[in-house]
Amino acid sequence: MTKMSYLNFLKRTKLPPETRWIIKTKSNGKVREVKHLFDPKDYTGGSNPRIVHDQETVIAILEANRAD
């Protein structure tokens, strides 16, 4: 799925509020990958915690990245 179609999917679909994603970026800051998390607790703990995002935040990041 491309970045644009995933953005459209997120805008059209109402997901449960506890749904979370991580966003991987390239070295230049552009979005490289968006991963849907089935168990966000696995990504927020441990020695290398990742920032997890809710649906509205992911939409905002993808929209800001769309213009680039």
C-alpha atoms as a PDB file:
ATOM      1  CA  MET A   1       0.000   0.000   0.000  1.00  0.00           C
ATOM      2  CA  THR A   2       1.403   3.391  -0.875  1.00  0.00           C
ATOM      3  CA  LYS A   3       1.563   6.316   1.503  1.00  0.00           C
ATOM      4  CA  MET A   4      -1.304   8.102  -0.223  1.00  0.00           C
ATOM      5  CA  SER A   5      -3.682   5.154  -0.255  1.00  0.00           C
ATOM      6  CA  TYR A   6      -2.913   4.416   3.405  1.00  0.00           C
ATOM      7  CA  LEU A   7      -3.726   8.027   4.242  1.00  0.00           C
ATOM      8  CA  ASN A   8      -7.069   7.670   2.451  1.00  0.00           C
ATOM      9  CA  PHE A   9      -7.728   4.408   4.286  1.00  0.00           C
ATOM     10  CA  LEU A  10      -7.100   6.058   7.660  1.00  0.00           C
ATOM     11  CA  LYS A  11      -9.373   8.989   6.820  1.00  0.00           C
ATOM     12  CA  ARG A  12     -12.239   6.718   5.706  1.00  0.00           C
ATOM     13  CA  THR A  13     -12.020   4.096   8.436  1.00  0.00           C
ATOM     14  CA  LYS A  14     -13.044   4.534  12.052  1.00  0.00           C
ATOM     15  CA  LEU A  15     -10.801   2.263  14.094  1.00  0.00           C
ATOM     16  CA  PRO A  16     -10.940   1.560  17.833  1.00  0.00           C
ATOM     17  CA  PRO A  17      -9.363   4.404  19.851  1.00  0.00           C
ATOM     18  CA  GLU A  18      -6.710   2.090  21.306  1.00  0.00           C
ATOM     19  CA  THR A  19      -5.298   1.299  17.835  1.00  0.00           C
ATOM     20  CA  ARG A  20      -1.676   2.476  17.478  1.00  0.00           C
ATOM     21  CA  TRP A  21       1.025   2.764  14.803  1.00  0.00           C
ATOM     22  CA  ILE A  22       4.737   3.428  14.542  1.00  0.00           C
ATOM     23  CA  ILE A  23       6.192   5.492  11.731  1.00  0.00           C
ATOM     24  CA  LYS A  24       9.605   4.767  10.248  1.00  0.00           C
ATOM     25  CA  THR A  25      11.366   7.609   8.451  1.00  0.00           C
ATOM     26  CA  LYS A  26      14.258   7.985   6.043  1.00  0.00           C
ATOM     27  CA  SER A  27      17.363   9.919   7.055  1.00  0.00           C
ATOM     28  CA  ASN A  28      15.903  13.011   5.346  1.00  0.00           C
ATOM     29  CA  GLY A  29      12.785  12.852   7.554  1.00  0.00           C
ATOM     30  CA  LYS A  30      10.328  11.569   4.928  1.00  0.00           C
ATOM     31  CA  VAL A  31       7.985   8.751   5.883  1.00  0.00           C
ATOM     32  CA  ARG A  32       9.323   5.380   4.786  1.00  0.00           C
ATOM     33  CA  GLU A  33       6.877   3.011   6.457  1.00  0.00           C
ATOM     34  CA  VAL A  34       3.769   3.003   8.644  1.00  0.00           C
ATOM     35  CA  LYS A  35       3.258  -0.092  10.774  1.00  0.00           C
ATOM     36  CA  HIS A  36      -0.014  -0.987  12.458  1.00  0.00           C
ATOM     37  CA  LEU A  37       0.617  -2.447  15.918  1.00  0.00           C
ATOM     38  CA  PHE A  38      -1.400  -5.327  17.283  1.00  0.00           C
ATOM     39  CA  ASP A  39       0.162  -5.073  20.757  1.00  0.00           C
ATOM     40  CA  PRO A  40       1.552  -1.544  21.358  1.00  0.00           C
ATOM     41  CA  LYS A  41       2.925  -2.565  24.779  1.00  0.00           C
ATOM     42  CA  ASP A  42       5.595  -4.617  22.974  1.00  0.00           C
ATOM     43  CA  TYR A  43       6.961  -1.430  21.369  1.00  0.00           C
ATOM     44  CA  THR A  44       6.782   1.038  24.260  1.00  0.00           C
ATOM     45  CA  GLY A  45       8.773  -0.897  26.846  1.00  0.00           C
ATOM     46  CA  GLY A  46      12.217  -2.408  26.919  1.00  0.00           C
ATOM     47  CA  SER A  47      15.602  -0.921  26.195  1.00  0.00           C
ATOM     48  CA  ASN A  48      14.646   0.699  22.861  1.00  0.00           C
ATOM     49  CA  PRO A  49      11.100   2.087  23.229  1.00  0.00           C
ATOM     50  CA  ARG A  50       9.433   3.518  20.129  1.00  0.00           C
ATOM     51  CA  ILE A  51       6.987   6.362  19.859  1.00  0.00           C
ATOM     52  CA  VAL A  52       3.513   5.040  19.106  1.00  0.00           C
ATOM     53  CA  HIS A  53       0.886   7.228  17.445  1.00  0.00           C
ATOM     54  CA  ASP A  54      -2.901   7.287  17.420  1.00  0.00           C
ATOM     55  CA  GLN A  55      -4.988   7.572  14.249  1.00  0.00           C
ATOM     56  CA  GLU A  56      -5.282  11.372  14.230  1.00  0.00           C
ATOM     57  CA  THR A  57      -1.533  11.826  14.694  1.00  0.00           C
ATOM     58  CA  VAL A  58      -0.695   9.396  11.887  1.00  0.00           C
ATOM     59  CA  ILE A  59      -3.094  11.236   9.561  1.00  0.00           C
ATOM     60  CA  ALA A  60      -1.474  14.576  10.448  1.00  0.00           C
ATOM     61  CA  ILE A  61       2.054  13.221   9.863  1.00  0.00           C
ATOM     62  CA  LEU A  62       1.119  11.669   6.503  1.00  0.00           C
ATOM     63  CA  GLU A  63      -0.660  14.846   5.357  1.00  0.00           C
ATOM     64  CA  ALA A  64       2.365  16.963   6.278  1.00  0.00           C
ATOM     65  CA  ASN A  65       4.621  14.512   4.481  1.00  0.00           C
ATOM     66  CA  ARG A  66       2.361  14.412   1.404  1.00  0.00           C
ATOM     67  CA  ALA A  67       3.391  17.888   0.274  1.00  0.00           C
ATOM     68  CA  ASP A  68       7.069  16.901   0.104  1.00  0.00           C
END
